[in-house]
Structure formats: C-alpha cells, structure tokens
Protein backbone atom coordinates (compact mmCIF):
# COMPACT_ATOMS: atom_id res chain seq x y z
CA MET A 1 -0.14 0.04 -0.14
CA GLU A 2 0.90 3.58 -0.78
CA ALA A 3 0.84 6.69 1.17
CA THR A 4 -2.36 7.60 -0.68
CA ASP A 5 -3.99 4.17 -0.28
CA ILE A 6 -3.31 4.68 3.74
CA GLN A 7 -4.79 8.08 4.04
CA GLN A 8 -7.84 7.25 1.81
CA LEU A 9 -8.43 4.09 3.78
CA SER A 10 -8.09 5.60 7.04
CA ASN A 11 -10.41 8.37 6.26
CA PRO A 12 -12.94 7.35 3.94
CA GLN A 13 -15.78 9.88 4.62
CA SER A 14 -13.13 12.79 4.55
CA GLU A 15 -10.85 11.54 1.44
CA ILE A 16 -13.43 9.95 -0.80
CA ILE A 17 -17.17 10.43 0.21
CA ASP A 18 -16.54 14.43 1.24
CA LYS A 19 -14.85 15.06 -2.00
CA GLY A 20 -17.77 13.42 -4.04
CA GLY A 21 -16.60 9.96 -4.42
CA LYS A 22 -18.77 6.87 -3.61
CA ILE A 23 -17.51 3.62 -1.97
CA PHE A 24 -19.66 0.28 -2.49
CA TYR A 25 -19.41 -3.18 -0.86
CA LEU A 26 -20.14 -6.82 -1.55
CA LYS A 27 -21.90 -8.16 1.51
CA HIS A 28 -22.04 -11.82 2.12
CA HIS A 29 -23.87 -13.25 5.50
CA HIS A 30 -23.33 -9.84 7.11
CA GLN A 31 -19.36 -10.08 6.18
CA ILE A 32 -18.08 -7.31 3.70
CA ILE A 33 -16.08 -9.53 0.83
CA GLY A 34 -15.74 -6.80 -1.74
CA THR A 35 -15.16 -3.18 -1.84
CA ALA A 36 -14.41 -0.67 -5.08
CA SER A 37 -14.97 3.36 -4.83
CA LEU A 38 -15.09 5.69 -7.32
CA LEU A 39 -12.67 8.67 -6.64
CA LYS A 40 -14.18 12.00 -8.23
CA ILE A 41 -11.95 13.79 -10.39
CA ASN A 42 -14.12 16.08 -11.97
CA GLU A 43 -17.92 16.08 -12.64
CA THR A 44 -17.81 13.53 -15.65
CA THR A 45 -14.68 11.89 -14.72
CA PHE A 46 -13.98 9.50 -11.80
CA GLU A 47 -11.19 6.70 -10.88
CA LEU A 48 -12.02 3.30 -10.14
CA GLY A 49 -10.14 2.39 -7.21
CA LYS A 50 -9.62 0.30 -4.43
CA MET A 51 -11.22 -2.73 -5.96
CA ALA A 52 -11.08 -6.00 -4.17
CA VAL A 53 -12.63 -9.12 -3.33
CA THR A 54 -11.69 -11.17 -0.37
CA GLY A 55 -9.41 -13.84 -1.02
CA GLU A 56 -11.81 -17.08 -0.53
CA PHE A 57 -14.25 -15.39 -2.92
CA GLN A 58 -11.93 -14.81 -5.71
CA GLY A 59 -12.76 -16.16 -9.00
CA SER A 60 -16.25 -16.67 -8.39
CA GLY A 61 -17.46 -13.97 -10.54
CA LEU A 62 -17.90 -11.37 -7.68
CA GLY A 63 -15.30 -8.87 -9.27
CA LYS A 64 -17.62 -8.65 -12.33
CA VAL A 65 -20.59 -7.85 -10.33
CA LEU A 66 -18.95 -5.38 -8.56
CA LEU A 67 -17.63 -3.62 -11.31
CA LYS A 68 -20.59 -3.91 -13.57
CA TYR A 69 -22.29 -2.13 -10.81
CA CYS A 70 -19.89 0.62 -10.70
CA LEU A 71 -20.22 1.30 -14.43
CA ASP A 72 -23.82 1.12 -13.94
CA PHE A 73 -23.95 3.77 -11.38
CA ALA A 74 -21.44 5.60 -13.61
CA LYS A 75 -23.98 5.48 -16.28
CA GLN A 76 -27.19 6.75 -14.34
CA ASN A 77 -25.32 9.54 -12.77
CA ASN A 78 -23.89 10.97 -15.90
CA ILE A 79 -20.19 9.79 -15.43
CA HIS A 80 -18.61 9.94 -18.84
CA ARG A 81 -15.12 8.81 -18.40
CA LEU A 82 -13.64 6.19 -16.00
CA ILE A 83 -10.05 5.63 -15.19
CA LEU A 84 -8.05 3.09 -13.52
CA PHE A 85 -4.61 2.40 -12.63
CA SER A 86 -3.36 -1.12 -12.13
CA ASN A 87 -0.28 -3.41 -12.59
CA THR A 88 0.03 -6.00 -15.47
CA GLN A 89 0.74 -8.61 -12.82
CA LEU A 90 -2.87 -8.34 -12.11
CA ALA A 91 -3.68 -10.51 -15.38
CA ALA A 92 -7.18 -11.53 -14.31
CA ALA A 93 -8.02 -7.77 -13.25
CA ILE A 94 -6.80 -6.43 -16.58
CA HIS A 95 -8.63 -9.16 -18.27
CA LEU A 96 -11.87 -8.19 -16.56
CA TYR A 97 -10.87 -4.69 -17.41
CA LYS A 98 -10.72 -5.22 -21.11
CA ASN A 99 -13.80 -7.18 -21.11
CA PHE A 100 -15.80 -4.29 -19.74
CA GLY A 101 -14.27 -2.01 -22.73
CA PHE A 102 -11.26 -0.22 -20.42
CA ILE A 103 -8.58 0.55 -23.27
CA GLU A 104 -5.00 0.78 -22.19
CA MET A 105 -3.97 4.81 -22.57
CA PRO A 106 -0.19 6.24 -22.07
CA MET A 107 0.74 6.10 -18.33
CA GLU A 108 1.94 9.42 -16.69
CA PRO A 109 4.75 9.33 -14.38
CA GLY A 110 4.36 9.59 -10.51
CA HIS A 111 0.73 8.73 -10.27
CA TYR A 112 1.12 5.40 -8.40
CA VAL A 113 4.58 3.72 -7.86
CA ARG A 114 2.80 0.09 -8.03
CA ALA A 115 0.80 1.10 -11.41
CA ASN A 116 2.33 0.17 -14.77
CA ILE A 117 -1.16 0.63 -16.69
CA LYS A 118 -3.49 3.06 -17.14
CA MET A 119 -6.76 2.10 -18.30
CA VAL A 120 -9.80 4.30 -19.61
CA LEU A 121 -13.15 3.72 -20.52
CA ASP A 122 -15.46 6.36 -22.21
CA ARG A 123 -19.58 6.10 -22.08
C-alpha cells in the first residue's frame, strides 16, 4: 500500500465521500467480502479504485458483479469517463477490465508507484 492508499482508507469519509466520491461494498452473510470506490476527478470523470474481493471469494465472478455495479452507477449518474490504474501482474483484473471495454492509455509518471498501466472507459 502507498501513502495515498493509507490516507484514503484511514479517512474514507473525508478523503473519498466528502470529495464527491462513492464507496461500494459486497456483503455475504453480514460480512464485507468486496469493495470498490469511485474517486471524483471532476463532474464527469471518476477513478475506479480500491476494487478488491476477499481471497476466498476470488474467482467466483464477484469482481465482475462489483465492476458492473460501478459502471451502471456511473451511467446513471452521467459519469462519462472512468479511469483506473493497475499493474499488469494482475492479469485476471486486466482481463476483466478489457472485457468491460477499458482500453490502455499512456501512463503519466508519478501517479502510483505500484501501477504500470492506465486504462480508460469512455461512455
């Protein structure tokens, strides 16, 4: 985790929600098993971030459900562009993003240390 991650996850209300972002959770029998956030960049552009599914539920298709929910939310709320930063070592995640129409874009330096790929979905 990077300093930005720690700051956002330690203060989700002030760092994500109060800035116009959203946080979504997947729940199974009163247990949170997945999460994703939409971080506001401007009125029509958000960053898809903090998307994860608990280890025991990975590979069950729940990442797809979570991503679809985020995309549906974006469409309903006139969010025209979603960006994300990831790492190509996360092959399953990259494959999922591509299946939903995200395309690779040039990566600007210095955004996230761990990221080596930027992907964008224009709606």
